[in-house]
Amino acid sequence: MNTELIVSMKPDLVLAHASSAHNSNEGLQQLKDAGIDVLVVNDAQSFDQVYESIEMIGQATENMIRQMKSLRI
């Protein structure tokens, strides 16, 4: 993972998959230290877990949208 490149893009949120997140703990921490929200999406093994992942991403992006709207003048 090229954390410098990711940080330079100034994302509001970075999604990481649980299956690879354990190999990227240091990089994910660097992103968090840079003030970037990181959401680790579970390694879904069933449709119910897929739905949970979708809901989790939806909640994270909904919160971001609310924050963006509150900053709008």
PDB file of N, CA and C in Angstrom:
ATOM      1  N   MET A   1       0.847  -1.165   0.000  1.00  0.00           N
ATOM      2  CA  MET A   1       0.000   0.000   0.000  1.00  0.00           C
ATOM      3  C   MET A   1       0.898   1.235   0.000  1.00  0.00           C
ATOM      4  N   ASN A   2       0.581   2.153  -0.891  1.00  0.00           N
ATOM      5  CA  ASN A   2       1.342   3.392  -0.992  1.00  0.00           C
ATOM      6  C   ASN A   2       0.628   4.467  -0.170  1.00  0.00           C
ATOM      7  N   THR A   3       0.961   4.519   1.115  1.00  0.00           N
ATOM      8  CA  THR A   3       0.257   5.440   2.016  1.00  0.00           C
ATOM      9  C   THR A   3       0.499   6.895   1.640  1.00  0.00           C
ATOM     10  N   GLU A   4       1.689   7.215   1.176  1.00  0.00           N
ATOM     11  CA  GLU A   4       1.973   8.604   0.782  1.00  0.00           C
ATOM     12  C   GLU A   4       1.054   9.036  -0.349  1.00  0.00           C
ATOM     13  N   LEU A   5       0.858   8.169  -1.321  1.00  0.00           N
ATOM     14  CA  LEU A   5      -0.029   8.480  -2.436  1.00  0.00           C
ATOM     15  C   LEU A   5      -1.461   8.649  -1.955  1.00  0.00           C
ATOM     16  N   ILE A   6      -1.904   7.752  -1.096  1.00  0.00           N
ATOM     17  CA  ILE A   6      -3.266   7.838  -0.578  1.00  0.00           C
ATOM     18  C   ILE A   6      -3.460   9.134   0.194  1.00  0.00           C
ATOM     19  N   VAL A   7      -2.538   9.459   1.075  1.00  0.00           N
ATOM     20  CA  VAL A   7      -2.635  10.700   1.864  1.00  0.00           C
ATOM     21  C   VAL A   7      -2.651  11.911   0.938  1.00  0.00           C
ATOM     22  N   SER A   8      -1.837  11.889  -0.115  1.00  0.00           N
ATOM     23  CA  SER A   8      -1.766  13.033  -1.027  1.00  0.00           C
ATOM     24  C   SER A   8      -3.082  13.266  -1.771  1.00  0.00           C
ATOM     25  N   MET A   9      -3.898  12.238  -1.873  1.00  0.00           N
ATOM     26  CA  MET A   9      -5.187  12.363  -2.565  1.00  0.00           C
ATOM     27  C   MET A   9      -6.265  12.965  -1.654  1.00  0.00           C
ATOM     28  N   LYS A  10      -5.944  13.111  -0.367  1.00  0.00           N
ATOM     29  CA  LYS A  10      -6.824  13.726   0.621  1.00  0.00           C
ATOM     30  C   LYS A  10      -8.230  13.110   0.664  1.00  0.00           C
ATOM     31  N   PRO A  11      -8.295  11.795   0.831  1.00  0.00           N
ATOM     32  CA  PRO A  11      -9.616  11.159   0.885  1.00  0.00           C
ATOM     33  C   PRO A  11     -10.319  11.454   2.209  1.00  0.00           C
ATOM     34  N   ASP A  12     -11.640  11.419   2.180  1.00  0.00           N
ATOM     35  CA  ASP A  12     -12.421  11.547   3.406  1.00  0.00           C
ATOM     36  C   ASP A  12     -12.508  10.211   4.129  1.00  0.00           C
ATOM     37  N   LEU A  13     -12.443   9.137   3.356  1.00  0.00           N
ATOM     38  CA  LEU A  13     -12.613   7.795   3.911  1.00  0.00           C
ATOM     39  C   LEU A  13     -11.838   6.806   3.057  1.00  0.00           C
ATOM     40  N   VAL A  14     -11.171   5.875   3.723  1.00  0.00           N
ATOM     41  CA  VAL A  14     -10.496   4.775   3.034  1.00  0.00           C
ATOM     42  C   VAL A  14     -11.138   3.479   3.507  1.00  0.00           C
ATOM     43  N   LEU A  15     -11.531   2.645   2.555  1.00  0.00           N
ATOM     44  CA  LEU A  15     -12.079   1.333   2.879  1.00  0.00           C
ATOM     45  C   LEU A  15     -10.972   0.299   2.733  1.00  0.00           C
ATOM     46  N   ALA A  16     -10.858  -0.554   3.721  1.00  0.00           N
ATOM     47  CA  ALA A  16      -9.890  -1.648   3.675  1.00  0.00           C
ATOM     48  C   ALA A  16     -10.644  -2.943   3.906  1.00  0.00           C
ATOM     49  N   HIS A  17     -10.212  -3.990   3.250  1.00  0.00           N
ATOM     50  CA  HIS A  17     -10.870  -5.293   3.417  1.00  0.00           C
ATOM     51  C   HIS A  17     -10.167  -6.067   4.521  1.00  0.00           C
ATOM     52  N   ALA A  18     -10.939  -6.691   5.365  1.00  0.00           N
ATOM     53  CA  ALA A  18     -10.394  -7.392   6.537  1.00  0.00           C
ATOM     54  C   ALA A  18      -9.371  -8.457   6.157  1.00  0.00           C
ATOM     55  N   SER A  19      -9.548  -9.080   4.995  1.00  0.00           N
ATOM     56  CA  SER A  19      -8.639 -10.165   4.611  1.00  0.00           C
ATOM     57  C   SER A  19      -7.215  -9.660   4.366  1.00  0.00           C
ATOM     58  N   SER A  20      -7.068  -8.388   4.027  1.00  0.00           N
ATOM     59  CA  SER A  20      -5.727  -7.853   3.791  1.00  0.00           C
ATOM     60  C   SER A  20      -5.312  -6.810   4.816  1.00  0.00           C
ATOM     61  N   ALA A  21      -6.244  -6.384   5.648  1.00  0.00           N
ATOM     62  CA  ALA A  21      -5.949  -5.333   6.623  1.00  0.00           C
ATOM     63  C   ALA A  21      -4.871  -5.755   7.609  1.00  0.00           C
ATOM     64  N   HIS A  22      -4.847  -7.035   7.971  1.00  0.00           N
ATOM     65  CA  HIS A  22      -3.848  -7.485   8.941  1.00  0.00           C
ATOM     66  C   HIS A  22      -2.427  -7.350   8.396  1.00  0.00           C
ATOM     67  N   ASN A  23      -2.277  -7.364   7.068  1.00  0.00           N
ATOM     68  CA  ASN A  23      -0.962  -7.172   6.454  1.00  0.00           C
ATOM     69  C   ASN A  23      -0.621  -5.699   6.307  1.00  0.00           C
ATOM     70  N   SER A  24      -1.596  -4.839   6.540  1.00  0.00           N
ATOM     71  CA  SER A  24      -1.419  -3.404   6.294  1.00  0.00           C
ATOM     72  C   SER A  24      -1.641  -2.574   7.548  1.00  0.00           C
ATOM     73  N   ASN A  25      -1.516  -3.178   8.723  1.00  0.00           N
ATOM     74  CA  ASN A  25      -1.785  -2.451   9.967  1.00  0.00           C
ATOM     75  C   ASN A  25      -0.985  -1.162  10.072  1.00  0.00           C
ATOM     76  N   GLU A  26       0.285  -1.227   9.732  1.00  0.00           N
ATOM     77  CA  GLU A  26       1.142  -0.040   9.846  1.00  0.00           C
ATOM     78  C   GLU A  26       0.667   1.060   8.893  1.00  0.00           C
ATOM     79  N   GLY A  27       0.363   0.693   7.655  1.00  0.00           N
ATOM     80  CA  GLY A  27      -0.116   1.664   6.678  1.00  0.00           C
ATOM     81  C   GLY A  27      -1.459   2.256   7.060  1.00  0.00           C
ATOM     82  N   LEU A  28      -2.350   1.417   7.575  1.00  0.00           N
ATOM     83  CA  LEU A  28      -3.661   1.908   8.004  1.00  0.00           C
ATOM     84  C   LEU A  28      -3.509   2.860   9.176  1.00  0.00           C
ATOM     85  N   GLN A  29      -2.593   2.559  10.065  1.00  0.00           N
ATOM     86  CA  GLN A  29      -2.350   3.457  11.196  1.00  0.00           C
ATOM     87  C   GLN A  29      -1.786   4.794  10.713  1.00  0.00           C
ATOM     88  N   GLN A  30      -0.926   4.755   9.708  1.00  0.00           N
ATOM     89  CA  GLN A  30      -0.386   6.000   9.143  1.00  0.00           C
ATOM     90  C   GLN A  30      -1.510   6.852   8.561  1.00  0.00           C
ATOM     91  N   LEU A  31      -2.473   6.205   7.904  1.00  0.00           N
ATOM     92  CA  LEU A  31      -3.612   6.943   7.357  1.00  0.00           C
ATOM     93  C   LEU A  31      -4.424   7.573   8.485  1.00  0.00           C
ATOM     94  N   LYS A  32      -4.662   6.798   9.528  1.00  0.00           N
ATOM     95  CA  LYS A  32      -5.412   7.326  10.680  1.00  0.00           C
ATOM     96  C   LYS A  32      -4.660   8.488  11.320  1.00  0.00           C
ATOM     97  N   ASP A  33      -3.342   8.333  11.457  1.00  0.00           N
ATOM     98  CA  ASP A  33      -2.520   9.397  12.046  1.00  0.00           C
ATOM     99  C   ASP A  33      -2.554  10.672  11.198  1.00  0.00           C
ATOM    100  N   ALA A  34      -2.810  10.508   9.897  1.00  0.00           N
ATOM    101  CA  ALA A  34      -2.901  11.650   8.990  1.00  0.00           C
ATOM    102  C   ALA A  34      -4.295  12.276   9.017  1.00  0.00           C
ATOM    103  N   GLY A  35      -5.171  11.739   9.877  1.00  0.00           N
ATOM    104  CA  GLY A  35      -6.508  12.300  10.014  1.00  0.00           C
ATOM    105  C   GLY A  35      -7.522  11.739   9.045  1.00  0.00           C
ATOM    106  N   ILE A  36      -7.195  10.633   8.400  1.00  0.00           N
ATOM    107  CA  ILE A  36      -8.095  10.010   7.438  1.00  0.00           C
ATOM    108  C   ILE A  36      -8.878   8.900   8.136  1.00  0.00           C
ATOM    109  N   ASP A  37     -10.186   8.909   7.943  1.00  0.00           N
ATOM    110  CA  ASP A  37     -11.014   7.843   8.496  1.00  0.00           C
ATOM    111  C   ASP A  37     -10.762   6.559   7.712  1.00  0.00           C
ATOM    112  N   VAL A  38     -10.583   5.467   8.431  1.00  0.00           N
ATOM    113  CA  VAL A  38     -10.354   4.156   7.818  1.00  0.00           C
ATOM    114  C   VAL A  38     -11.431   3.209   8.322  1.00  0.00           C
ATOM    115  N   LEU A  39     -12.094   2.565   7.397  1.00  0.00           N
ATOM    116  CA  LEU A  39     -13.128   1.590   7.737  1.00  0.00           C
ATOM    117  C   LEU A  39     -12.688   0.235   7.215  1.00  0.00           C
ATOM    118  N   VAL A  40     -12.535  -0.722   8.114  1.00  0.00           N
ATOM    119  CA  VAL A  40     -12.166  -2.079   7.716  1.00  0.00           C
ATOM    120  C   VAL A  40     -13.459  -2.871   7.548  1.00  0.00           C
ATOM    121  N   VAL A  41     -13.687  -3.299   6.322  1.00  0.00           N
ATOM    122  CA  VAL A  41     -14.902  -4.038   5.979  1.00  0.00           C
ATOM    123  C   VAL A  41     -14.652  -5.522   6.228  1.00  0.00           C
ATOM    124  N   ASN A  42     -15.624  -6.168   6.880  1.00  0.00           N
ATOM    125  CA  ASN A  42     -15.435  -7.567   7.260  1.00  0.00           C
ATOM    126  C   ASN A  42     -15.288  -8.475   6.040  1.00  0.00           C
ATOM    127  N   ASP A  43     -14.710  -9.609   6.271  1.00  0.00           N
ATOM    128  CA  ASP A  43     -14.523 -10.635   5.243  1.00  0.00           C
ATOM    129  C   ASP A  43     -15.777 -11.492   5.228  1.00  0.00           C
ATOM    130  N   ALA A  44     -16.768 -11.044   4.489  1.00  0.00           N
ATOM    131  CA  ALA A  44     -18.092 -11.670   4.499  1.00  0.00           C
ATOM    132  C   ALA A  44     -18.024 -13.130   4.034  1.00  0.00           C
ATOM    133  N   GLN A  45     -18.647 -13.981   4.822  1.00  0.00           N
ATOM    134  CA  GLN A  45     -18.701 -15.403   4.507  1.00  0.00           C
ATOM    135  C   GLN A  45     -20.127 -15.874   4.225  1.00  0.00           C
ATOM    136  N   SER A  46     -21.070 -14.939   4.265  1.00  0.00           N
ATOM    137  CA  SER A  46     -22.469 -15.273   4.003  1.00  0.00           C
ATOM    138  C   SER A  46     -23.161 -14.031   3.465  1.00  0.00           C
ATOM    139  N   PHE A  47     -24.357 -14.225   2.937  1.00  0.00           N
ATOM    140  CA  PHE A  47     -25.113 -13.081   2.446  1.00  0.00           C
ATOM    141  C   PHE A  47     -25.437 -12.116   3.579  1.00  0.00           C
ATOM    142  N   ASP A  48     -25.746 -12.646   4.749  1.00  0.00           N
ATOM    143  CA  ASP A  48     -26.032 -11.765   5.885  1.00  0.00           C
ATOM    144  C   ASP A  48     -24.832 -10.885   6.206  1.00  0.00           C
ATOM    145  N   GLN A  49     -23.643 -11.438   6.139  1.00  0.00           N
ATOM    146  CA  GLN A  49     -22.437 -10.651   6.408  1.00  0.00           C
ATOM    147  C   GLN A  49     -22.177  -9.636   5.300  1.00  0.00           C
ATOM    148  N   VAL A  50     -22.535  -9.979   4.068  1.00  0.00           N
ATOM    149  CA  VAL A  50     -22.422  -9.012   2.974  1.00  0.00           C
ATOM    150  C   VAL A  50     -23.348  -7.834   3.251  1.00  0.00           C
ATOM    151  N   TYR A  51     -24.579  -8.142   3.663  1.00  0.00           N
ATOM    152  CA  TYR A  51     -25.527  -7.075   3.983  1.00  0.00           C
ATOM    153  C   TYR A  51     -25.003  -6.200   5.124  1.00  0.00           C
ATOM    154  N   GLU A  52     -24.392  -6.823   6.134  1.00  0.00           N
ATOM    155  CA  GLU A  52     -23.809  -6.065   7.244  1.00  0.00           C
ATOM    156  C   GLU A  52     -22.716  -5.123   6.738  1.00  0.00           C
ATOM    157  N   SER A  53     -21.892  -5.615   5.814  1.00  0.00           N
ATOM    158  CA  SER A  53     -20.827  -4.788   5.246  1.00  0.00           C
ATOM    159  C   SER A  53     -21.413  -3.597   4.496  1.00  0.00           C
ATOM    160  N   ILE A  54     -22.445  -3.850   3.710  1.00  0.00           N
ATOM    161  CA  ILE A  54     -23.089  -2.780   2.952  1.00  0.00           C
ATOM    162  C   ILE A  54     -23.676  -1.744   3.905  1.00  0.00           C
ATOM    163  N   GLU A  55     -24.320  -2.216   4.967  1.00  0.00           N
ATOM    164  CA  GLU A  55     -24.897  -1.302   5.955  1.00  0.00           C
ATOM    165  C   GLU A  55     -23.795  -0.480   6.646  1.00  0.00           C
ATOM    166  N   MET A  56     -22.679  -1.127   6.962  1.00  0.00           N
ATOM    167  CA  MET A  56     -21.571  -0.440   7.621  1.00  0.00           C
ATOM    168  C   MET A  56     -21.021   0.671   6.721  1.00  0.00           C
ATOM    169  N   ILE A  57     -20.828   0.369   5.443  1.00  0.00           N
ATOM    170  CA  ILE A  57     -20.331   1.370   4.496  1.00  0.00           C
ATOM    171  C   ILE A  57     -21.366   2.481   4.333  1.00  0.00           C
ATOM    172  N   GLY A  58     -22.635   2.101   4.275  1.00  0.00           N
ATOM    173  CA  GLY A  58     -23.704   3.090   4.161  1.00  0.00           C
ATOM    174  C   GLY A  58     -23.727   4.046   5.336  1.00  0.00           C
ATOM    175  N   GLN A  59     -23.562   3.524   6.536  1.00  0.00           N
ATOM    176  CA  GLN A  59     -23.540   4.377   7.728  1.00  0.00           C
ATOM    177  C   GLN A  59     -22.347   5.324   7.698  1.00  0.00           C
ATOM    178  N   ALA A  60     -21.203   4.813   7.304  1.00  0.00           N
ATOM    179  CA  ALA A  60     -19.992   5.648   7.260  1.00  0.00           C
ATOM    180  C   ALA A  60     -20.155   6.768   6.240  1.00  0.00           C
ATOM    181  N   THR A  61     -20.683   6.448   5.070  1.00  0.00           N
ATOM    182  CA  THR A  61     -20.834   7.480   4.047  1.00  0.00           C
ATOM    183  C   THR A  61     -21.977   8.429   4.381  1.00  0.00           C
ATOM    184  N   GLU A  62     -23.006   7.937   5.038  1.00  0.00           N
ATOM    185  CA  GLU A  62     -24.101   8.816   5.454  1.00  0.00           C
ATOM    186  C   GLU A  62     -23.598   9.856   6.449  1.00  0.00           C
ATOM    187  N   ASN A  63     -22.765   9.424   7.383  1.00  0.00           N
ATOM    188  CA  ASN A  63     -22.184  10.364   8.348  1.00  0.00           C
ATOM    189  C   ASN A  63     -21.334  11.416   7.638  1.00  0.00           C
ATOM    190  N   MET A  64     -20.585  11.003   6.631  1.00  0.00           N
ATOM    191  CA  MET A  64     -19.761  11.940   5.881  1.00  0.00           C
ATOM    192  C   MET A  64     -20.625  12.959   5.148  1.00  0.00           C
ATOM    193  N   ILE A  65     -21.710  12.496   4.561  1.00  0.00           N
ATOM    194  CA  ILE A  65     -22.610  13.390   3.827  1.00  0.00           C
ATOM    195  C   ILE A  65     -23.209  14.413   4.773  1.00  0.00           C
ATOM    196  N   ARG A  66     -23.609  13.973   5.958  1.00  0.00           N
ATOM    197  CA  ARG A  66     -24.160  14.911   6.954  1.00  0.00           C
ATOM    198  C   ARG A  66     -23.134  15.984   7.316  1.00  0.00           C
ATOM    199  N   GLN A  67     -21.902  15.552   7.529  1.00  0.00           N
ATOM    200  CA  GLN A  67     -20.841  16.507   7.871  1.00  0.00           C
ATOM    201  C   GLN A  67     -20.615  17.496   6.735  1.00  0.00           C
ATOM    202  N   MET A  68     -20.604  17.014   5.498  1.00  0.00           N
ATOM    203  CA  MET A  68     -20.403  17.883   4.353  1.00  0.00           C
ATOM    204  C   MET A  68     -21.536  18.910   4.246  1.00  0.00           C
ATOM    205  N   LYS A  69     -22.757  18.451   4.443  1.00  0.00           N
ATOM    206  CA  LYS A  69     -23.901  19.347   4.355  1.00  0.00           C
ATOM    207  C   LYS A  69     -23.878  20.397   5.466  1.00  0.00           C
ATOM    208  N   SER A  70     -23.407  20.009   6.647  1.00  0.00           N
ATOM    209  CA  SER A  70     -23.371  20.963   7.752  1.00  0.00           C
ATOM    210  C   SER A  70     -22.314  22.047   7.524  1.00  0.00           C
ATOM    211  N   LEU A  71     -21.308  21.759   6.701  1.00  0.00           N
ATOM    212  CA  LEU A  71     -20.259  22.728   6.417  1.00  0.00           C
ATOM    213  C   LEU A  71     -20.622  23.642   5.259  1.00  0.00           C
ATOM    214  N   ARG A  72     -21.642  23.258   4.519  1.00  0.00           N
ATOM    215  CA  ARG A  72     -22.052  24.041   3.351  1.00  0.00           C
ATOM    216  C   ARG A  72     -22.660  25.366   3.813  1.00  0.00           C
ATOM    217  N   ILE A  73     -22.270  26.404   3.156  1.00  0.00           N
ATOM    218  CA  ILE A  73     -22.753  27.738   3.529  1.00  0.00           C
ATOM    219  C   ILE A  73     -23.842  28.180   2.583  1.00  0.00           C
TER     220      ILE A  73
END
